Amino acid sequence: MKYIVIAEDSNQLRVQFAQQEEEVLFSTYEEAQAFIEQVHAENVLPDKYQLSIERYDREEKVQDREGQS
């Protein structure tokens, strides 16, 4: 299972983190939490964003769709 960090503002605008146009994924919940702590420490996002961790399961859904074809 992979995890992804999502930033959301008060208007429910959701932003995913990416590097070189690839989503930033984490192998463990703890790695994702450490990333959030780093973002807060570096103060790189406006305070209006709340960060959360979600399970990333898009790869599984793509594989399921390919199996149904």
C-alpha atoms as a PDB file:
ATOM      1  CA  MET A   1       0.000   0.000   0.000  1.00  0.00           C
ATOM      2  CA  LYS A   2       1.179   3.503  -0.835  1.00  0.00           C
ATOM      3  CA  TYR A   3       0.261   6.856   0.688  1.00  0.00           C
ATOM      4  CA  ILE A   4      -0.060  10.349  -0.732  1.00  0.00           C
ATOM      5  CA  VAL A   5      -0.132  13.748   0.977  1.00  0.00           C
ATOM      6  CA  ILE A   6      -2.979  16.054  -0.022  1.00  0.00           C
ATOM      7  CA  ALA A   7      -3.190  19.801   0.652  1.00  0.00           C
ATOM      8  CA  GLU A   8      -6.721  21.194   0.883  1.00  0.00           C
ATOM      9  CA  ASP A   9      -7.888  24.765   1.371  1.00  0.00           C
ATOM     10  CA  SER A  10     -11.143  26.117   2.809  1.00  0.00           C
ATOM     11  CA  ASN A  11     -12.760  26.012  -0.649  1.00  0.00           C
ATOM     12  CA  GLN A  12     -12.008  22.278  -0.828  1.00  0.00           C
ATOM     13  CA  LEU A  13      -9.394  22.826  -3.520  1.00  0.00           C
ATOM     14  CA  ARG A  14      -7.247  19.684  -3.353  1.00  0.00           C
ATOM     15  CA  VAL A  15      -3.585  19.731  -4.358  1.00  0.00           C
ATOM     16  CA  GLN A  16      -1.260  16.757  -4.684  1.00  0.00           C
ATOM     17  CA  PHE A  17       2.503  17.051  -4.387  1.00  0.00           C
ATOM     18  CA  ALA A  18       4.585  16.134  -7.430  1.00  0.00           C
ATOM     19  CA  GLN A  19       8.198  16.158  -8.546  1.00  0.00           C
ATOM     20  CA  GLN A  20       9.026  16.238 -12.243  1.00  0.00           C
ATOM     21  CA  GLU A  21       5.335  15.706 -13.039  1.00  0.00           C
ATOM     22  CA  GLU A  22       5.195  12.469 -10.985  1.00  0.00           C
ATOM     23  CA  GLU A  23       3.054  12.208  -7.855  1.00  0.00           C
ATOM     24  CA  VAL A  24       5.055  11.995  -4.650  1.00  0.00           C
ATOM     25  CA  LEU A  25       4.174   8.648  -3.057  1.00  0.00           C
ATOM     26  CA  PHE A  26       5.237   7.186   0.260  1.00  0.00           C
ATOM     27  CA  SER A  27       5.692   3.533   1.162  1.00  0.00           C
ATOM     28  CA  THR A  28       4.633   4.015   4.773  1.00  0.00           C
ATOM     29  CA  TYR A  29       2.295   6.275   6.694  1.00  0.00           C
ATOM     30  CA  GLU A  30       5.266   7.358   8.814  1.00  0.00           C
ATOM     31  CA  GLU A  31       7.173   8.579   5.740  1.00  0.00           C
ATOM     32  CA  ALA A  32       4.154  10.644   4.689  1.00  0.00           C
ATOM     33  CA  GLN A  33       3.878  12.082   8.202  1.00  0.00           C
ATOM     34  CA  ALA A  34       7.577  13.016   8.159  1.00  0.00           C
ATOM     35  CA  PHE A  35       7.007  14.801   4.829  1.00  0.00           C
ATOM     36  CA  ILE A  36       4.171  16.825   6.369  1.00  0.00           C
ATOM     37  CA  GLU A  37       6.404  17.780   9.287  1.00  0.00           C
ATOM     38  CA  GLN A  38       9.124  18.853   6.838  1.00  0.00           C
ATOM     39  CA  VAL A  39       6.676  20.997   4.837  1.00  0.00           C
ATOM     40  CA  HIS A  40       5.515  22.687   8.053  1.00  0.00           C
ATOM     41  CA  ALA A  41       9.095  23.238   9.243  1.00  0.00           C
ATOM     42  CA  GLU A  42      10.155  24.759   5.924  1.00  0.00           C
ATOM     43  CA  ASN A  43       6.999  26.905   5.799  1.00  0.00           C
ATOM     44  CA  VAL A  44       6.620  26.421   2.037  1.00  0.00           C
ATOM     45  CA  LEU A  45       2.808  26.448   1.862  1.00  0.00           C
ATOM     46  CA  PRO A  46       0.405  29.196   2.869  1.00  0.00           C
ATOM     47  CA  ASP A  47      -1.351  28.560   6.175  1.00  0.00           C
ATOM     48  CA  LYS A  48      -4.679  28.215   4.383  1.00  0.00           C
ATOM     49  CA  TYR A  49      -3.826  24.626   3.390  1.00  0.00           C
ATOM     50  CA  GLN A  50      -4.485  21.665   5.649  1.00  0.00           C
ATOM     51  CA  LEU A  51      -2.351  18.611   4.909  1.00  0.00           C
ATOM     52  CA  SER A  52      -3.663  15.084   5.167  1.00  0.00           C
ATOM     53  CA  ILE A  53      -2.525  11.582   4.289  1.00  0.00           C
ATOM     54  CA  GLU A  54      -4.593   9.301   2.079  1.00  0.00           C
ATOM     55  CA  ARG A  55      -4.147   5.790   0.785  1.00  0.00           C
ATOM     56  CA  TYR A  56      -3.078   5.745  -2.849  1.00  0.00           C
ATOM     57  CA  ASP A  57      -4.803   2.991  -4.777  1.00  0.00           C
ATOM     58  CA  ARG A  58      -4.938   4.269  -8.359  1.00  0.00           C
ATOM     59  CA  GLU A  59      -2.448   1.638  -9.566  1.00  0.00           C
ATOM     60  CA  GLU A  60      -4.749  -1.109  -8.304  1.00  0.00           C
ATOM     61  CA  LYS A  61      -7.755   0.430 -10.093  1.00  0.00           C
ATOM     62  CA  VAL A  62      -5.815   0.702 -13.368  1.00  0.00           C
ATOM     63  CA  GLN A  63      -4.790  -2.960 -13.077  1.00  0.00           C
ATOM     64  CA  ASP A  64      -8.401  -3.939 -12.372  1.00  0.00           C
ATOM     65  CA  ARG A  65      -9.591  -2.107 -15.487  1.00  0.00           C
ATOM     66  CA  GLU A  66      -6.883  -3.721 -17.624  1.00  0.00           C
ATOM     67  CA  GLY A  67      -7.950  -7.144 -16.377  1.00  0.00           C
ATOM     68  CA  GLN A  68     -11.553  -6.474 -17.392  1.00  0.00           C
ATOM     69  CA  SER A  69     -10.664  -5.567 -21.011  1.00  0.00           C
END
